[in-house]
């Protein structure tokens, strides 16, 4: 699953947005060379041994990425407004 869409996506800090799909991160993977993040599914779709970050063009070997549980926990507190209805809550 790619990232989450939300009505308030433009109000969120860019660190919560995928470097590939530009949506709110879903199961984020961090590139260790630059620190930017991809959705797990966006990362898998790239299917490359070296990942070029779309934000800064720095390359990271695909085996030098990490899952950051603390960042994922931080994201769980993000206020989100659904793009398709009036639902508002946290992730």
C-alpha atoms as a PDB file:
ATOM      1  CA  UNK A   1       0.000   0.000   0.000  1.00  0.00           C
ATOM      2  CA  UNK A   2       1.380   3.404  -0.946  1.00  0.00           C
ATOM      3  CA  UNK A   3       1.090   6.334   1.444  1.00  0.00           C
ATOM      4  CA  UNK A   4      -2.038   7.883   2.882  1.00  0.00           C
ATOM      5  CA  UNK A   5      -3.793  10.805   1.225  1.00  0.00           C
ATOM      6  CA  UNK A   6      -5.351  13.485   3.431  1.00  0.00           C
ATOM      7  CA  UNK A   7      -7.049  16.849   3.016  1.00  0.00           C
ATOM      8  CA  UNK A   8      -4.501  18.425   5.347  1.00  0.00           C
ATOM      9  CA  UNK A   9      -1.392  16.899   3.713  1.00  0.00           C
ATOM     10  CA  UNK A  10      -0.085  20.345   2.728  1.00  0.00           C
ATOM     11  CA  UNK A  11      -0.088  21.379   6.400  1.00  0.00           C
ATOM     12  CA  UNK A  12       2.128  18.471   7.486  1.00  0.00           C
ATOM     13  CA  UNK A  13       5.905  18.641   7.779  1.00  0.00           C
ATOM     14  CA  UNK A  14       7.632  17.174   4.703  1.00  0.00           C
ATOM     15  CA  UNK A  15       9.430  14.620   6.901  1.00  0.00           C
ATOM     16  CA  UNK A  16       6.092  12.759   7.085  1.00  0.00           C
ATOM     17  CA  UNK A  17       5.793  12.490   3.285  1.00  0.00           C
ATOM     18  CA  UNK A  18       7.202   9.749   1.079  1.00  0.00           C
ATOM     19  CA  UNK A  19      10.118  10.787  -1.140  1.00  0.00           C
ATOM     20  CA  UNK A  20       8.601   8.699  -3.936  1.00  0.00           C
ATOM     21  CA  UNK A  21       4.772   8.984  -3.898  1.00  0.00           C
ATOM     22  CA  UNK A  22       4.626  12.284  -1.909  1.00  0.00           C
ATOM     23  CA  UNK A  23       1.785  10.947   0.255  1.00  0.00           C
ATOM     24  CA  UNK A  24       1.862  10.489   4.036  1.00  0.00           C
ATOM     25  CA  UNK A  25       4.288   7.686   4.803  1.00  0.00           C
ATOM     26  CA  UNK A  26       2.968   4.162   5.267  1.00  0.00           C
ATOM     27  CA  UNK A  27       5.387   1.828   7.111  1.00  0.00           C
ATOM     28  CA  UNK A  28       8.341   4.196   6.521  1.00  0.00           C
ATOM     29  CA  UNK A  29      11.801   3.022   5.476  1.00  0.00           C
ATOM     30  CA  UNK A  30      14.685   5.463   6.014  1.00  0.00           C
ATOM     31  CA  UNK A  31      17.590   5.831   3.594  1.00  0.00           C
ATOM     32  CA  UNK A  32      20.705   5.942   5.781  1.00  0.00           C
ATOM     33  CA  UNK A  33      22.784   8.016   3.338  1.00  0.00           C
ATOM     34  CA  UNK A  34      20.471  11.045   3.379  1.00  0.00           C
ATOM     35  CA  UNK A  35      17.852  10.406   6.075  1.00  0.00           C
ATOM     36  CA  UNK A  36      14.841  10.782   3.772  1.00  0.00           C
ATOM     37  CA  UNK A  37      12.060   8.197   3.942  1.00  0.00           C
ATOM     38  CA  UNK A  38       9.978   6.078   1.563  1.00  0.00           C
ATOM     39  CA  UNK A  39       6.801   4.083   2.119  1.00  0.00           C
ATOM     40  CA  UNK A  40       7.723   0.426   2.490  1.00  0.00           C
ATOM     41  CA  UNK A  41       5.732  -0.464  -0.640  1.00  0.00           C
ATOM     42  CA  UNK A  42       7.307   2.385  -2.662  1.00  0.00           C
ATOM     43  CA  UNK A  43      10.738   1.122  -1.588  1.00  0.00           C
ATOM     44  CA  UNK A  44       9.868  -2.439  -2.666  1.00  0.00           C
ATOM     45  CA  UNK A  45       8.480  -1.213  -6.006  1.00  0.00           C
ATOM     46  CA  UNK A  46      11.838   0.367  -6.838  1.00  0.00           C
ATOM     47  CA  UNK A  47      13.425  -3.116  -6.739  1.00  0.00           C
ATOM     48  CA  UNK A  48      16.980  -1.773  -7.120  1.00  0.00           C
ATOM     49  CA  UNK A  49      20.284  -2.486  -5.387  1.00  0.00           C
ATOM     50  CA  UNK A  50      20.929   1.272  -5.069  1.00  0.00           C
ATOM     51  CA  UNK A  51      18.092   3.660  -4.265  1.00  0.00           C
ATOM     52  CA  UNK A  52      18.345   7.228  -5.556  1.00  0.00           C
ATOM     53  CA  UNK A  53      16.455   9.611  -3.304  1.00  0.00           C
ATOM     54  CA  UNK A  54      14.015  11.682  -5.347  1.00  0.00           C
ATOM     55  CA  UNK A  55      14.434  14.627  -2.962  1.00  0.00           C
ATOM     56  CA  UNK A  56      18.222  14.995  -2.931  1.00  0.00           C
ATOM     57  CA  UNK A  57      19.512  12.489  -5.551  1.00  0.00           C
ATOM     58  CA  UNK A  58      21.867  10.814  -3.042  1.00  0.00           C
ATOM     59  CA  UNK A  59      22.189   7.065  -3.576  1.00  0.00           C
ATOM     60  CA  UNK A  60      21.830   4.516  -0.779  1.00  0.00           C
ATOM     61  CA  UNK A  61      22.471   0.773  -1.155  1.00  0.00           C
ATOM     62  CA  UNK A  62      19.135  -0.976  -0.622  1.00  0.00           C
ATOM     63  CA  UNK A  63      20.642  -3.057   2.180  1.00  0.00           C
ATOM     64  CA  UNK A  64      21.536   0.135   4.081  1.00  0.00           C
ATOM     65  CA  UNK A  65      18.018   1.225   4.930  1.00  0.00           C
ATOM     66  CA  UNK A  66      16.239   0.980   8.233  1.00  0.00           C
ATOM     67  CA  UNK A  67      12.847   0.799   9.845  1.00  0.00           C
ATOM     68  CA  UNK A  68      12.585   3.470  12.536  1.00  0.00           C
ATOM     69  CA  UNK A  69      10.006   2.412  15.168  1.00  0.00           C
ATOM     70  CA  UNK A  70      10.354   5.692  17.090  1.00  0.00           C
ATOM     71  CA  UNK A  71       9.521   7.700  13.955  1.00  0.00           C
ATOM     72  CA  UNK A  72       6.612   5.377  13.220  1.00  0.00           C
ATOM     73  CA  UNK A  73       5.306   5.984  16.757  1.00  0.00           C
ATOM     74  CA  UNK A  74       5.662   9.748  16.243  1.00  0.00           C
ATOM     75  CA  UNK A  75       3.580   9.462  13.084  1.00  0.00           C
ATOM     76  CA  UNK A  76       0.766   7.758  15.012  1.00  0.00           C
ATOM     77  CA  UNK A  77       0.021  11.129  16.632  1.00  0.00           C
ATOM     78  CA  UNK A  78      -0.391  13.000  13.320  1.00  0.00           C
ATOM     79  CA  UNK A  79      -3.788  14.683  12.959  1.00  0.00           C
ATOM     80  CA  UNK A  80      -5.314  13.507   9.677  1.00  0.00           C
ATOM     81  CA  UNK A  81      -8.421  14.611   7.790  1.00  0.00           C
ATOM     82  CA  UNK A  82      -9.679  12.059   5.266  1.00  0.00           C
ATOM     83  CA  UNK A  83      -9.690  13.178   1.617  1.00  0.00           C
ATOM     84  CA  UNK A  84     -12.936  11.345   0.892  1.00  0.00           C
ATOM     85  CA  UNK A  85     -15.125  12.106   3.920  1.00  0.00           C
ATOM     86  CA  UNK A  86     -15.201  14.279   7.047  1.00  0.00           C
ATOM     87  CA  UNK A  87     -13.337  11.810   9.280  1.00  0.00           C
ATOM     88  CA  UNK A  88     -10.594  13.439  11.382  1.00  0.00           C
ATOM     89  CA  UNK A  89      -8.343  11.588  13.804  1.00  0.00           C
ATOM     90  CA  UNK A  90      -4.768  10.418  14.215  1.00  0.00           C
ATOM     91  CA  UNK A  91      -3.082   7.706  12.182  1.00  0.00           C
END
